[in-house]
Protein backbone atom coordinates (compact mmCIF):
# COMPACT_ATOMS: atom_id res chain seq x y z
CA UNK A 1 -176.71 -94.83 22.31
CA UNK A 2 -177.83 -97.76 24.02
CA UNK A 3 -176.35 -99.78 21.09
CA UNK A 4 -173.07 -98.57 20.83
CA UNK A 5 -172.71 -98.64 24.74
CA UNK A 6 -173.14 -102.47 23.64
CA UNK A 7 -170.45 -102.45 21.08
CA UNK A 8 -168.15 -101.09 23.26
CA UNK A 9 -168.69 -103.37 25.78
CA UNK A 10 -168.21 -105.82 23.17
CA UNK A 11 -164.62 -104.46 21.79
CA UNK A 12 -163.60 -104.61 25.30
CA UNK A 13 -164.38 -108.46 25.90
CA UNK A 14 -162.81 -108.86 22.54
CA UNK A 15 -159.36 -107.09 22.79
CA UNK A 16 -159.30 -109.18 26.36
CA UNK A 17 -158.92 -112.31 24.00
CA UNK A 18 -155.13 -111.52 22.47
CA UNK A 19 -153.46 -111.37 25.83
CA UNK A 20 -151.07 -113.55 26.16
CA UNK A 21 -150.52 -115.07 29.81
CA UNK A 22 -147.85 -117.20 31.45
CA UNK A 23 -149.17 -118.65 34.18
CA UNK A 24 -150.86 -122.12 34.24
CA UNK A 25 -154.36 -123.03 35.23
CA UNK A 26 -155.74 -126.15 33.65
CA UNK A 27 -159.25 -127.95 34.95
CA UNK A 28 -159.77 -126.85 38.40
CA UNK A 29 -161.68 -129.26 40.40
CA UNK A 30 -163.81 -126.56 41.60
CA UNK A 31 -164.81 -123.02 41.20
CA UNK A 32 -165.03 -120.62 43.91
CA UNK A 33 -168.57 -118.57 42.81
CA UNK A 34 -168.54 -115.02 44.12
CA UNK A 35 -172.07 -113.08 45.25
CA UNK A 36 -173.26 -110.43 42.99
CA UNK A 37 -173.96 -107.46 43.55
CA UNK A 38 -177.60 -107.32 42.72
CA UNK A 39 -179.72 -109.39 41.02
CA UNK A 40 -178.74 -109.91 36.81
CA UNK A 41 -181.43 -108.78 34.46
CA UNK A 42 -181.26 -112.13 31.96
CA UNK A 43 -181.42 -110.24 28.88
CA UNK A 44 -177.77 -111.24 27.45
CA UNK A 45 -176.02 -108.01 27.16
CA UNK A 46 -173.59 -108.40 30.30
CA UNK A 47 -173.78 -105.06 31.11
CA UNK A 48 -173.73 -105.18 34.60
CA UNK A 49 -170.16 -104.45 36.32
CA UNK A 50 -170.52 -107.82 38.73
CA UNK A 51 -169.22 -109.32 35.29
CA UNK A 52 -166.45 -107.30 34.90
CA UNK A 53 -164.74 -108.01 38.51
CA UNK A 54 -162.09 -110.03 39.15
CA UNK A 55 -162.43 -113.19 39.93
CA UNK A 56 -162.09 -116.61 38.30
CA UNK A 57 -163.40 -118.03 35.42
CA UNK A 58 -163.89 -120.39 32.17
CA UNK A 59 -162.46 -120.00 28.87
CA UNK A 60 -163.44 -122.39 25.75
CA UNK A 61 -161.57 -123.03 22.80
CA UNK A 62 -158.57 -124.61 20.94
CA UNK A 63 -156.30 -122.08 21.42
CA UNK A 64 -157.34 -120.51 25.06
CA UNK A 65 -154.55 -119.71 26.86
CA UNK A 66 -154.52 -119.72 31.14
CA UNK A 67 -154.12 -116.59 33.21
CA UNK A 68 -153.97 -114.54 36.18
CA UNK A 69 -157.92 -115.69 37.19
CA UNK A 70 -158.34 -117.23 33.52
CA UNK A 71 -158.93 -121.29 33.93
CA UNK A 72 -158.70 -123.58 30.73
CA UNK A 73 -160.68 -126.68 30.49
CA UNK A 74 -160.59 -130.04 30.75
CA UNK A 75 -160.45 -131.56 27.05
CA UNK A 76 -162.03 -130.72 23.85
CA UNK A 77 -162.49 -132.33 20.15
CA UNK A 78 -162.94 -131.90 16.76
CA UNK A 79 -166.10 -133.58 15.76
CA UNK A 80 -166.09 -132.79 12.21
CA UNK A 81 -163.04 -131.47 10.32
CA UNK A 82 -159.49 -130.52 11.91
CA UNK A 83 -158.97 -127.17 11.07
CA UNK A 84 -157.84 -124.47 13.22
CA UNK A 85 -160.61 -122.87 15.29
CA UNK A 86 -159.90 -119.96 17.17
CA UNK A 87 -162.99 -119.23 18.64
CA UNK A 88 -162.60 -118.41 22.53
CA UNK A 89 -165.68 -118.42 24.67
CA UNK A 90 -165.06 -117.13 28.19
CA UNK A 91 -167.64 -118.56 30.46
CA UNK A 92 -168.32 -116.58 33.75
CA UNK A 93 -170.23 -117.71 37.34
CA UNK A 94 -171.82 -116.10 39.82
CA UNK A 95 -174.70 -116.22 42.11
CA UNK A 96 -177.20 -114.38 44.44
CA UNK A 97 -178.31 -116.39 47.14
CA UNK A 98 -179.28 -119.82 45.43
CA UNK A 99 -179.50 -117.97 41.86
CA UNK A 100 -176.35 -119.00 39.55
CA UNK A 101 -175.95 -116.44 37.18
CA UNK A 102 -173.86 -117.90 34.09
CA UNK A 103 -172.82 -115.27 30.97
CA UNK A 104 -171.07 -116.33 27.62
CA UNK A 105 -168.54 -114.29 25.87
CA UNK A 106 -167.63 -115.61 22.33
CA UNK A 107 -166.01 -113.77 19.16
CA UNK A 108 -167.28 -116.53 16.97
CA UNK A 109 -166.87 -115.91 13.67
CA UNK A 110 -169.77 -118.72 12.14
CA UNK A 111 -172.58 -118.35 14.62
CA UNK A 112 -175.58 -121.20 14.06
CA UNK A 113 -176.50 -124.23 14.14
CA UNK A 114 -174.50 -127.50 13.60
CA UNK A 115 -176.56 -128.23 9.97
CA UNK A 116 -179.94 -130.00 10.84
CA UNK A 117 -178.90 -131.62 13.71
CA UNK A 118 -180.64 -130.72 17.17
CA UNK A 119 -176.83 -128.91 18.50
CA UNK A 120 -175.54 -125.52 17.12
CA UNK A 121 -173.29 -122.66 18.81
CA UNK A 122 -173.49 -122.00 22.68
CA UNK A 123 -174.00 -124.03 25.93
CA UNK A 124 -174.84 -127.37 26.35
CA UNK A 125 -174.65 -128.18 30.59
CA UNK A 126 -175.53 -130.81 32.89
CA UNK A 127 -175.97 -129.98 36.42
CA UNK A 128 -176.82 -132.20 39.44
CA UNK A 129 -179.97 -131.40 41.91
CA UNK A 130 -179.05 -131.60 45.85
CA UNK A 131 -180.42 -135.21 45.65
CA UNK A 132 -177.75 -136.32 42.86
CA UNK A 133 -180.57 -136.09 39.88
CA UNK A 134 -178.56 -134.75 36.57
CA UNK A 135 -180.50 -132.22 34.77
CA UNK A 136 -179.65 -130.62 31.36
CA UNK A 137 -179.50 -127.05 30.42
CA UNK A 138 -179.04 -125.58 27.07
CA UNK A 139 -178.58 -121.93 25.86
CA UNK A 140 -177.36 -122.55 21.94
CA UNK A 141 -177.97 -121.18 18.47
CA UNK A 142 -180.33 -124.20 17.37
CA UNK A 143 -183.29 -123.17 15.66
CA UNK A 144 -183.39 -122.83 11.88
CA UNK A 145 -184.27 -120.11 9.58
CA UNK A 146 -182.81 -116.94 8.75
CA UNK A 147 -180.84 -115.02 12.02
CA UNK A 148 -182.96 -116.62 14.66
CA UNK A 149 -182.44 -116.03 18.59
CA UNK A 150 -181.11 -118.26 20.80
CA UNK A 151 -182.93 -120.95 22.55
CA UNK A 152 -183.58 -122.08 26.37
CA UNK A 153 -184.22 -125.31 26.60
CA UNK A 154 -183.91 -127.84 29.87
CA UNK A 155 -185.37 -131.14 31.28
CA UNK A 156 -185.04 -129.53 35.00
CA UNK A 157 -188.20 -128.48 37.33
CA UNK A 158 -190.83 -126.21 35.69
CA UNK A 159 -189.53 -122.50 36.36
CA UNK A 160 -185.96 -123.59 37.22
CA UNK A 161 -184.16 -120.98 34.55
CA UNK A 162 -184.07 -119.32 31.74
CA UNK A 163 -181.97 -117.59 28.90
CA UNK A 164 -181.22 -114.88 26.58
CA UNK A 165 -178.46 -113.47 24.06
CA UNK A 166 -177.04 -110.36 22.45
CA UNK A 167 -175.27 -110.69 18.89
CA UNK A 168 -173.27 -108.45 18.02
CA UNK A 169 -173.51 -106.08 15.38
CA UNK A 170 -172.57 -107.97 12.05
CA UNK A 171 -173.27 -111.46 13.38
CA UNK A 172 -175.91 -112.97 11.51
CA UNK A 173 -176.87 -116.73 12.88
CA UNK A 174 -176.93 -119.35 9.98
CA UNK A 175 -175.39 -116.92 7.31
CA UNK A 176 -172.25 -118.81 5.80
CA UNK A 177 -171.76 -115.75 3.61
CA UNK A 178 -170.19 -113.27 5.77
CA UNK A 179 -168.25 -113.62 8.82
CA UNK A 180 -169.67 -112.85 12.33
CA UNK A 181 -168.81 -110.58 15.43
CA UNK A 182 -169.66 -112.73 18.07
CA UNK A 183 -172.46 -112.76 20.90
CA UNK A 184 -172.57 -112.81 24.74
CA UNK A 185 -175.12 -115.08 26.24
CA UNK A 186 -176.67 -114.96 30.13
CA UNK A 187 -178.79 -118.09 31.91
CA UNK A 188 -179.82 -118.29 35.66
CA UNK A 189 -180.80 -121.53 37.17
CA UNK A 190 -182.83 -121.43 40.37
CA UNK A 191 -181.06 -123.86 42.18
CA UNK A 192 -183.97 -123.90 44.99
CA UNK A 193 -185.85 -125.60 42.02
CA UNK A 194 -183.47 -128.52 42.25
CA UNK A 195 -183.48 -128.80 45.95
CA UNK A 196 -180.78 -126.88 47.05
CA UNK A 197 -181.26 -125.08 50.69
CA UNK A 198 -177.95 -124.94 52.05
CA UNK A 199 -176.40 -121.21 51.86
CA UNK A 200 -173.23 -122.14 50.15
CA UNK A 201 -173.41 -125.64 48.81
CA UNK A 202 -171.21 -127.29 46.50
CA UNK A 203 -173.05 -127.75 42.73
CA UNK A 204 -171.54 -130.58 40.64
CA UNK A 205 -171.79 -129.19 36.99
CA UNK A 206 -170.26 -130.58 33.22
CA UNK A 207 -170.02 -127.50 30.94
CA UNK A 208 -169.95 -128.09 26.99
CA UNK A 209 -169.20 -125.09 24.41
CA UNK A 210 -170.92 -126.27 20.61
CA UNK A 211 -168.84 -124.46 17.79
CA UNK A 212 -170.00 -125.55 14.91
CA UNK A 213 -168.87 -123.53 12.16
CA UNK A 214 -169.98 -122.87 8.09
CA UNK A 215 -173.33 -124.43 8.38
CA UNK A 216 -176.50 -123.26 7.27
CA UNK A 217 -179.58 -124.98 8.64
CA UNK A 218 -180.35 -127.31 6.20
CA UNK A 219 -177.47 -128.97 5.56
CA UNK A 220 -176.43 -132.25 6.39
CA UNK A 221 -173.94 -132.13 8.96
CA UNK A 222 -171.94 -134.59 8.45
CA UNK A 223 -171.99 -134.33 4.54
CA UNK A 224 -169.57 -131.88 2.87
CA UNK A 225 -168.66 -128.64 4.13
CA UNK A 226 -168.82 -127.02 7.78
CA UNK A 227 -166.49 -127.91 10.76
CA UNK A 228 -167.09 -128.69 14.47
CA UNK A 229 -165.06 -128.13 17.61
CA UNK A 230 -166.33 -128.67 21.38
CA UNK A 231 -164.56 -128.42 24.24
CA UNK A 232 -165.69 -128.91 28.19
CA UNK A 233 -165.02 -128.80 32.08
CA UNK A 234 -165.54 -132.16 33.42
CA UNK A 235 -166.84 -134.31 30.84
CA UNK A 236 -168.39 -133.99 27.14
CA UNK A 237 -171.74 -135.76 28.10
CA UNK A 238 -171.64 -135.72 31.75
CA UNK A 239 -169.93 -138.94 32.75
CA UNK A 240 -167.39 -136.83 35.23
CA UNK A 241 -168.28 -133.30 36.92
CA UNK A 242 -166.72 -130.60 38.22
CA UNK A 243 -167.50 -128.52 41.53
CA UNK A 244 -169.52 -124.87 41.58
CA UNK A 245 -168.95 -123.68 45.32
CA UNK A 246 -171.16 -120.63 46.05
CA UNK A 247 -169.01 -118.82 48.55
CA UNK A 248 -168.49 -115.08 49.36
CA UNK A 249 -171.32 -113.93 51.75
CA UNK A 250 -171.88 -110.11 51.88
CA UNK A 251 -172.11 -109.54 54.82
CA UNK A 252 -171.29 -110.72 58.69
CA UNK A 253 -172.68 -110.09 61.64
CA UNK A 254 -170.30 -108.33 64.98
CA UNK A 255 -172.13 -109.38 68.03
CA UNK A 256 -172.18 -106.82 70.72
CA UNK A 257 -170.01 -106.75 73.63
CA UNK A 258 -169.61 -105.26 76.95
CA UNK A 259 -166.10 -106.74 77.88
CA UNK A 260 -162.96 -104.59 76.93
CA UNK A 261 -160.77 -106.31 74.89
CA UNK A 262 -157.24 -107.49 76.08
CA UNK A 263 -155.02 -106.79 72.96
CA UNK A 264 -152.41 -109.32 73.03
CA UNK A 265 -153.24 -111.22 70.03
CA UNK A 266 -154.64 -114.77 72.08
CA UNK A 267 -158.36 -114.26 71.41
CA UNK A 268 -158.75 -115.44 75.21
CA UNK A 269 -161.69 -113.41 76.17
CA UNK A 270 -165.05 -115.73 75.78
CA UNK A 271 -166.75 -113.26 73.83
CA UNK A 272 -164.31 -114.98 70.89
CA UNK A 273 -165.97 -118.78 71.22
CA UNK A 274 -169.14 -117.07 69.46
CA UNK A 275 -168.20 -114.50 67.43
CA UNK A 276 -169.68 -114.64 64.10
CA UNK A 277 -166.59 -115.43 61.44
CA UNK A 278 -165.36 -116.06 58.32
CA UNK A 279 -162.69 -118.10 56.66
CA UNK A 280 -160.01 -116.77 54.41
CA UNK A 281 -158.46 -119.41 52.53
CA UNK A 282 -157.89 -121.66 48.88
CA UNK A 283 -161.25 -123.63 49.12
CA UNK A 284 -163.11 -121.87 51.52
CA UNK A 285 -166.84 -121.01 51.06
CA UNK A 286 -166.65 -117.52 53.06
CA UNK A 287 -163.98 -116.27 51.12
CA UNK A 288 -164.41 -114.28 47.79
CA UNK A 289 -161.45 -114.86 46.48
CA UNK A 290 -157.53 -116.04 46.16
CA UNK A 291 -154.52 -115.97 44.31
CA UNK A 292 -151.79 -118.38 43.77
CA UNK A 293 -148.57 -118.05 41.73
CA UNK A 294 -144.76 -120.04 42.14
CA UNK A 295 -142.95 -117.97 39.49
CA UNK A 296 -140.28 -120.37 37.90
CA UNK A 297 -142.42 -123.45 38.50
CA UNK A 298 -145.47 -122.78 38.02
CA UNK A 299 -146.49 -126.52 37.97
CA UNK A 300 -145.43 -126.48 42.08
CA UNK A 301 -147.91 -127.80 44.51
CA UNK A 302 -149.51 -125.88 47.14
CA UNK A 303 -148.89 -127.77 50.10
CA UNK A 304 -149.60 -125.64 52.81
CA UNK A 305 -153.17 -124.16 51.80
CA UNK A 306 -153.41 -122.16 55.48
CA UNK A 307 -157.06 -121.08 56.88
CA UNK A 308 -157.36 -117.94 58.53
CA UNK A 309 -160.13 -117.93 60.58
CA UNK A 310 -161.42 -113.98 60.93
CA UNK A 311 -164.08 -113.46 63.91
CA UNK A 312 -165.96 -110.00 64.50
CA UNK A 313 -167.24 -108.76 67.35
CA UNK A 314 -167.63 -105.04 68.48
CA UNK A 315 -168.20 -103.07 71.78
CA UNK A 316 -170.38 -99.60 70.77
CA UNK A 317 -168.35 -98.08 67.82
CA UNK A 318 -165.41 -100.09 68.29
CA UNK A 319 -164.71 -103.36 66.26
CA UNK A 320 -162.65 -106.18 67.47
CA UNK A 321 -161.30 -108.52 64.66
CA UNK A 322 -159.32 -111.67 65.68
CA UNK A 323 -157.61 -113.73 63.51
CA UNK A 324 -156.61 -117.56 63.88
CA UNK A 325 -154.11 -118.72 61.35
CA UNK A 326 -152.79 -122.74 61.00
CA UNK A 327 -150.58 -120.91 58.97
CA UNK A 328 -147.05 -123.65 59.02
CA UNK A 329 -144.39 -121.41 57.35
CA UNK A 330 -144.88 -118.06 58.86
CA UNK A 331 -142.48 -116.02 57.28
CA UNK A 332 -141.85 -112.57 55.22
CA UNK A 333 -141.95 -112.53 50.94
CA UNK A 334 -137.72 -112.24 50.95
CA UNK A 335 -137.51 -110.47 48.12
CA UNK A 336 -140.32 -108.26 48.45
CA UNK A 337 -142.32 -106.31 50.99
CA UNK A 338 -145.52 -108.71 51.18
CA UNK A 339 -145.20 -111.26 54.34
CA UNK A 340 -148.24 -113.24 56.24
CA UNK A 341 -150.94 -111.37 57.92
CA UNK A 342 -153.75 -109.23 57.55
CA UNK A 343 -154.39 -106.45 55.72
CA UNK A 344 -157.44 -104.83 55.91
CA UNK A 345 -158.83 -102.16 53.27
CA UNK A 346 -161.29 -99.72 55.53
CA UNK A 347 -163.41 -97.09 54.05
CA UNK A 348 -165.19 -93.87 55.64
CA UNK A 349 -168.68 -94.12 55.54
CA UNK A 350 -170.74 -93.73 52.60
CA UNK A 351 -167.31 -93.44 50.63
CA UNK A 352 -165.59 -95.92 48.08
CA UNK A 353 -162.01 -94.23 48.09
CA UNK A 354 -159.63 -93.85 45.02
CA UNK A 355 -156.61 -95.46 45.11
CA UNK A 356 -154.84 -92.14 46.49
CA UNK A 357 -157.09 -91.90 48.83
CA UNK A 358 -157.59 -96.23 50.03
CA UNK A 359 -156.83 -97.07 54.01
CA UNK A 360 -154.84 -100.08 54.83
CA UNK A 361 -154.69 -101.49 58.36
CA UNK A 362 -152.37 -103.93 58.59
CA UNK A 363 -150.87 -106.52 61.00
CA UNK A 364 -148.13 -108.67 59.08
CA UNK A 365 -145.05 -110.44 59.82
CA UNK A 366 -142.88 -107.23 57.85
CA UNK A 367 -139.90 -107.70 59.90
CA UNK A 368 -137.74 -110.69 59.01
CA UNK A 369 -135.87 -111.41 62.07
CA UNK A 370 -135.98 -114.82 63.27
CA UNK A 371 -138.64 -115.36 65.80
CA UNK A 372 -139.91 -111.53 65.54
CA UNK A 373 -143.76 -110.85 65.76
CA UNK A 374 -146.11 -109.42 63.73
CA UNK A 375 -145.83 -105.55 63.04
CA UNK A 376 -149.03 -103.27 63.14
CA UNK A 377 -149.21 -100.24 60.96
CA UNK A 378 -151.48 -98.10 59.23
CA UNK A 379 -150.89 -96.21 56.29
CA UNK A 380 -151.31 -91.90 56.08
CA UNK A 381 -155.28 -91.99 54.99
CA UNK A 382 -155.95 -93.33 58.11
CA UNK A 383 -156.60 -91.35 61.01
CA UNK A 384 -154.23 -91.25 63.77
CA UNK A 385 -155.05 -93.64 66.54
CA UNK A 386 -157.93 -94.85 64.92
CA UNK A 387 -156.75 -98.68 64.90
CA UNK A 388 -154.27 -101.06 67.32
CA UNK A 389 -153.39 -104.70 66.76
CA UNK A 390 -151.33 -107.19 68.44
CA UNK A 391 -150.12 -110.99 67.64
CA UNK A 392 -149.59 -114.15 69.73
CA UNK A 393 -147.13 -116.82 68.85
CA UNK A 394 -148.11 -120.01 69.81
CA UNK A 395 -145.31 -122.58 70.91
CA UNK A 396 -143.98 -124.49 67.92
CA UNK A 397 -143.98 -121.22 65.48
CA UNK A 398 -140.81 -119.47 64.93
CA UNK A 399 -141.18 -117.00 62.05
CA UNK A 400 -138.93 -116.31 59.27
CA UNK A 401 -136.69 -119.58 59.06
CA UNK A 402 -137.91 -123.19 57.88
CA UNK A 403 -135.10 -124.61 59.61
CA UNK A 404 -137.45 -125.14 62.61
CA UNK A 405 -139.42 -127.52 61.16
CA UNK A 406 -143.71 -126.80 60.31
CA UNK A 407 -144.39 -123.60 61.99
CA UNK A 408 -147.92 -123.84 64.82
CA UNK A 409 -149.69 -120.88 63.12
CA UNK A 410 -150.37 -117.41 64.88
CA UNK A 411 -152.90 -115.25 66.01
CA UNK A 412 -153.96 -111.74 65.53
CA UNK A 413 -156.24 -108.90 67.18
CA UNK A 414 -157.15 -105.83 65.58
CA UNK A 415 -159.17 -103.03 67.24
CA UNK A 416 -161.02 -100.68 64.84
CA UNK A 417 -162.22 -97.58 65.91
CA UNK A 418 -165.24 -96.97 63.51
CA UNK A 419 -166.67 -93.80 64.98
CA UNK A 420 -162.95 -91.95 63.23
CA UNK A 421 -164.13 -93.30 60.18
CA UNK A 422 -168.10 -92.06 60.35
CA UNK A 423 -169.71 -95.13 61.75
CA UNK A 424 -172.06 -95.66 64.59
CA UNK A 425 -173.17 -98.51 66.57
CA UNK A 426 -175.79 -100.42 64.05
CA UNK A 427 -173.79 -99.36 61.21
CA UNK A 428 -172.77 -101.63 58.35
CA UNK A 429 -168.98 -101.58 58.17
CA UNK A 430 -167.80 -101.45 54.26
CA UNK A 431 -164.15 -102.91 54.33
CA UNK A 432 -162.50 -105.81 52.65
CA UNK A 433 -160.05 -108.66 54.81
CA UNK A 434 -156.73 -110.04 52.71
CA UNK A 435 -154.95 -112.51 54.35
CA UNK A 436 -151.77 -112.99 53.22
CA UNK A 437 -149.65 -116.49 53.07
CA UNK A 438 -146.37 -116.87 52.09
CA UNK A 439 -144.55 -120.09 52.11
CA UNK A 440 -140.96 -121.31 52.13
CA UNK A 441 -139.89 -117.37 51.48
CA UNK A 442 -137.84 -116.74 54.22
CA UNK A 443 -134.26 -115.51 53.91
CA UNK A 444 -132.23 -118.68 54.87
CA UNK A 445 -134.33 -121.22 52.22
CA UNK A 446 -136.07 -118.56 49.75
CA UNK A 447 -135.42 -119.17 46.19
CA UNK A 448 -137.94 -118.26 43.34
CA UNK A 449 -138.23 -121.94 42.49
CA UNK A 450 -139.49 -122.75 45.81
CA UNK A 451 -141.12 -120.45 47.55
CA UNK A 452 -145.07 -120.10 47.20
CA UNK A 453 -146.88 -116.70 46.89
CA UNK A 454 -150.61 -117.10 48.07
CA UNK A 455 -152.90 -114.52 49.01
CA UNK A 456 -156.34 -115.00 49.92
CA UNK A 457 -159.56 -112.80 50.59
CA UNK A 458 -162.85 -111.45 51.66
CA UNK A 459 -164.11 -108.88 50.05
CA UNK A 460 -161.21 -107.38 47.04
CA UNK A 461 -157.66 -108.07 46.78
CA UNK A 462 -156.69 -104.37 45.88
CA UNK A 463 -158.28 -101.09 45.96
CA UNK A 464 -157.12 -100.06 42.67
CA UNK A 465 -159.39 -98.54 39.74
CA UNK A 466 -156.96 -100.47 37.17
CA UNK A 467 -156.27 -103.78 38.73
CA UNK A 468 -160.04 -104.33 39.89
CA UNK A 469 -162.39 -101.30 38.50
CA UNK A 470 -165.07 -102.88 40.38
CA UNK A 471 -164.66 -103.37 44.05
CA UNK A 472 -166.05 -106.29 45.96
CA UNK A 473 -166.19 -104.45 49.45
CA UNK A 474 -167.90 -106.36 51.83
CA UNK A 475 -170.16 -105.56 54.86
CA UNK A 476 -169.63 -106.20 58.67
CA UNK A 477 -172.99 -105.08 60.52
CA UNK A 478 -172.52 -103.48 64.26
CA UNK A 479 -175.49 -105.85 65.45
CA UNK A 480 -177.39 -104.38 68.39
CA UNK A 481 -177.98 -108.18 69.45
CA UNK A 482 -175.91 -109.36 72.87
CA UNK A 483 -177.84 -112.44 73.76
CA UNK A 484 -176.61 -113.79 70.45
CA UNK A 485 -173.14 -114.13 71.64
CA UNK A 486 -174.64 -115.60 75.56
CA UNK A 487 -176.82 -118.53 73.62
CA UNK A 488 -174.55 -118.96 70.28
CA UNK A 489 -173.12 -121.96 72.15
CA UNK A 490 -176.64 -123.50 72.17
CA UNK A 491 -177.74 -124.52 68.49
CA UNK A 492 -180.76 -124.17 67.66
CA UNK A 493 -181.13 -126.61 65.01
CA UNK A 494 -179.24 -129.52 63.60
CA UNK A 495 -176.48 -128.39 61.26
CA UNK A 496 -173.76 -130.36 59.13
CA UNK A 497 -171.49 -127.75 57.30
CA UNK A 498 -169.30 -127.96 54.70
CA UNK A 499 -165.91 -129.24 55.49
CA UNK A 500 -162.92 -126.90 55.07
CA UNK A 501 -160.56 -126.80 53.01
CA UNK A 502 -162.43 -128.18 50.42
CA UNK A 503 -160.41 -129.88 48.25
CA UNK A 504 -157.88 -131.01 50.79
CA UNK A 505 -154.36 -132.57 51.46
CA UNK A 506 -154.13 -134.35 53.89
CA UNK A 507 -156.76 -133.12 56.42
CA UNK A 508 -160.01 -130.87 56.98
CA UNK A 509 -162.32 -129.82 59.20
CA UNK A 510 -165.85 -130.88 59.72
CA UNK A 511 -168.44 -128.16 62.00
CA UNK A 512 -171.62 -129.40 62.85
CA UNK A 513 -174.36 -128.26 65.32
CA UNK A 514 -177.12 -130.55 67.28
CA UNK A 515 -180.07 -128.79 69.62
CA UNK A 516 -180.61 -131.11 71.93
CA UNK A 517 -178.27 -134.03 74.02
CA UNK A 518 -178.30 -136.91 71.08
CA UNK A 519 -175.83 -140.11 70.32
CA UNK A 520 -173.93 -139.03 67.42
CA UNK A 521 -172.46 -140.94 64.62
CA UNK A 522 -170.20 -138.94 62.23
CA UNK A 523 -168.72 -141.38 59.57
CA UNK A 524 -167.04 -140.95 56.17
CA UNK A 525 -167.31 -143.20 53.02
CA UNK A 526 -166.02 -143.72 49.90
CA UNK A 527 -168.06 -143.32 46.63
CA UNK A 528 -169.16 -146.96 46.90
CA UNK A 529 -170.17 -146.44 49.87
CA UNK A 530 -167.64 -148.26 51.89
CA UNK A 531 -167.32 -146.92 55.37
CA UNK A 532 -164.03 -145.45 55.80
CA UNK A 533 -163.94 -143.71 59.21
CA UNK A 534 -165.72 -143.24 62.18
CA UNK A 535 -165.05 -140.12 63.42
CA UNK A 536 -167.56 -140.12 66.39
CA UNK A 537 -169.86 -142.43 67.92
CA UNK A 538 -171.27 -140.66 71.54
CA UNK A 539 -173.69 -138.96 72.83
CA UNK A 540 -172.62 -135.53 72.55
CA UNK A 541 -174.77 -132.54 74.92
CA UNK A 542 -176.64 -129.76 72.62
CA UNK A 543 -173.93 -127.59 71.04
CA UNK A 544 -171.49 -126.75 68.51
CA UNK A 545 -168.60 -129.07 67.53
CA UNK A 546 -165.24 -129.22 65.39
CA UNK A 547 -163.63 -132.34 63.99
CA UNK A 548 -160.70 -132.91 62.16
CA UNK A 549 -160.25 -135.64 59.63
CA UNK A 550 -157.36 -137.38 58.43
CA UNK A 551 -156.89 -138.85 55.10
CA UNK A 552 -153.16 -139.41 54.76
CA UNK A 553 -153.72 -143.02 54.09
CA UNK A 554 -156.39 -142.65 51.03
CA UNK A 555 -156.30 -141.97 47.71
CA UNK A 556 -157.66 -139.01 45.71
CA UNK A 557 -160.96 -138.88 44.96
CA UNK A 558 -164.46 -137.85 46.24
CA UNK A 559 -165.55 -138.73 49.74
CA UNK A 560 -168.88 -138.54 51.65
CA UNK A 561 -169.31 -137.71 55.07
CA UNK A 562 -172.64 -138.52 56.93
CA UNK A 563 -174.03 -136.81 59.88
CA UNK A 564 -176.81 -138.70 62.50
CA UNK A 565 -178.24 -137.78 65.55
CA UNK A 566 -181.60 -139.12 66.30
CA UNK A 567 -184.02 -138.48 63.61
CA UNK A 568 -181.65 -136.21 61.83
CA UNK A 569 -179.55 -137.48 59.09
CA UNK A 570 -177.19 -135.45 56.85
CA UNK A 571 -174.69 -136.28 54.11
CA UNK A 572 -171.92 -134.05 52.43
CA UNK A 573 -169.20 -134.30 49.84
CA UNK A 574 -165.60 -133.43 49.71
CA UNK A 575 -162.42 -133.94 47.74
CA UNK A 576 -159.42 -135.46 48.72
CA UNK A 577 -156.60 -134.41 46.01
CA UNK A 578 -153.05 -135.10 46.32
């Protein structure tokens, strides 16, 4: 029965390989790496539902096609031979804290070694440590003999990883007398062994998929017979790297307040300054995922990558949610119902709703009238009176028109009375937050060749068993802590956070905290170590700070920002893409 189950899983995967996509997703500078529901068992089987959820991943192979969440890689080469190579290998990556999991799903019809060389079908990867040292991790069929298992090899720190594979029925490694049925494989890299301590680091990698065909283990790899195709993301041997952004926290605290919210959308109450939050938007390390579409111009540039800070506070069982967005084009999607704003999926305690009973709470700019505020509404499955919402438009924002120039963003407030969903003070609320970002879609300018369509989310985009079978709900804790709100403005540690958005164009935000009054310098450097900008050079009191960096006069590339305060020093990377 177990063998049958594994076979069914592989057949489901193989059926996916024949789908043709129209959208262009090529060579991303980074991948957003979502959190696993629980640790992965490294057995190569890929039977955890985390591997079947909807998130961005890579597809390697000569005939690879991009798709909705499927990205093609940087380049490829026929090392030997020029035949058409139809092998496709899907590479999915998730994380559990600092444990990085990588899976391979391949339909390879000739699994084996590259003759008597050291190479074979599978993965060759370089990954940089926190201090920038590149290490090799290999998971490939490079062993001799009849039908050997996959081999895991690394020159990294001892105990920093492991790997395993599962061969589909009909696959016999190093056997050229029959057609194989592919394989699946799993690997884990323990990033703490590579010096990583940040909760959500950017990790540099170069990933290569080897695919030799038609070899036995005693053949001369460069002699008669056999072909060898390989493809890579980043570079073939690690001269150029891409980024894995470990993202997607599974839980955020809603700290307690005794203050009742004034529901006006402005977020002027004192508690909002100290609220725990996530940032939803393309590239944010606290987002789960996102989707961008420009239907008739697939190479169109998404140049208004709006960021929305979503904050959480609670008073008893009343959950306060605040949203602050820097969106410069606030509008409704002219040809459809979608609009900028907050789309919240709510749950009853202890229940995951099916599509027919899903609960929607929306505070979105549905009214296409020029200057109109957001419309608050719920669907029929939400109890009457269980949620309320309001909107605030700052000076400079005129919604549903592009003729007034760039907008100045918006803010929203929502109150969810979670007791009406069965929750109590101290519970973890299961929900998902979606921020829609429609740009240049106002009726006065809309065409299908200029408007951008880009929802981003923390959790899941759709509660739908067909579109997203295994929902990535996230949790908000109604924390029994009030003193955090009162003391959070005084930092307990030196912290330099990852800038957001990242990659960015042309501005990005850098947050840092210091626990004592210190002379603080914050500087930006290029890859040669030359100072580009000095953002701060002054004495700062203990607290948390936010600085905006404008790179309008710089070219595309990697830059570094360095914080120094007393004996503390920390440097992080950021990527400018124009």
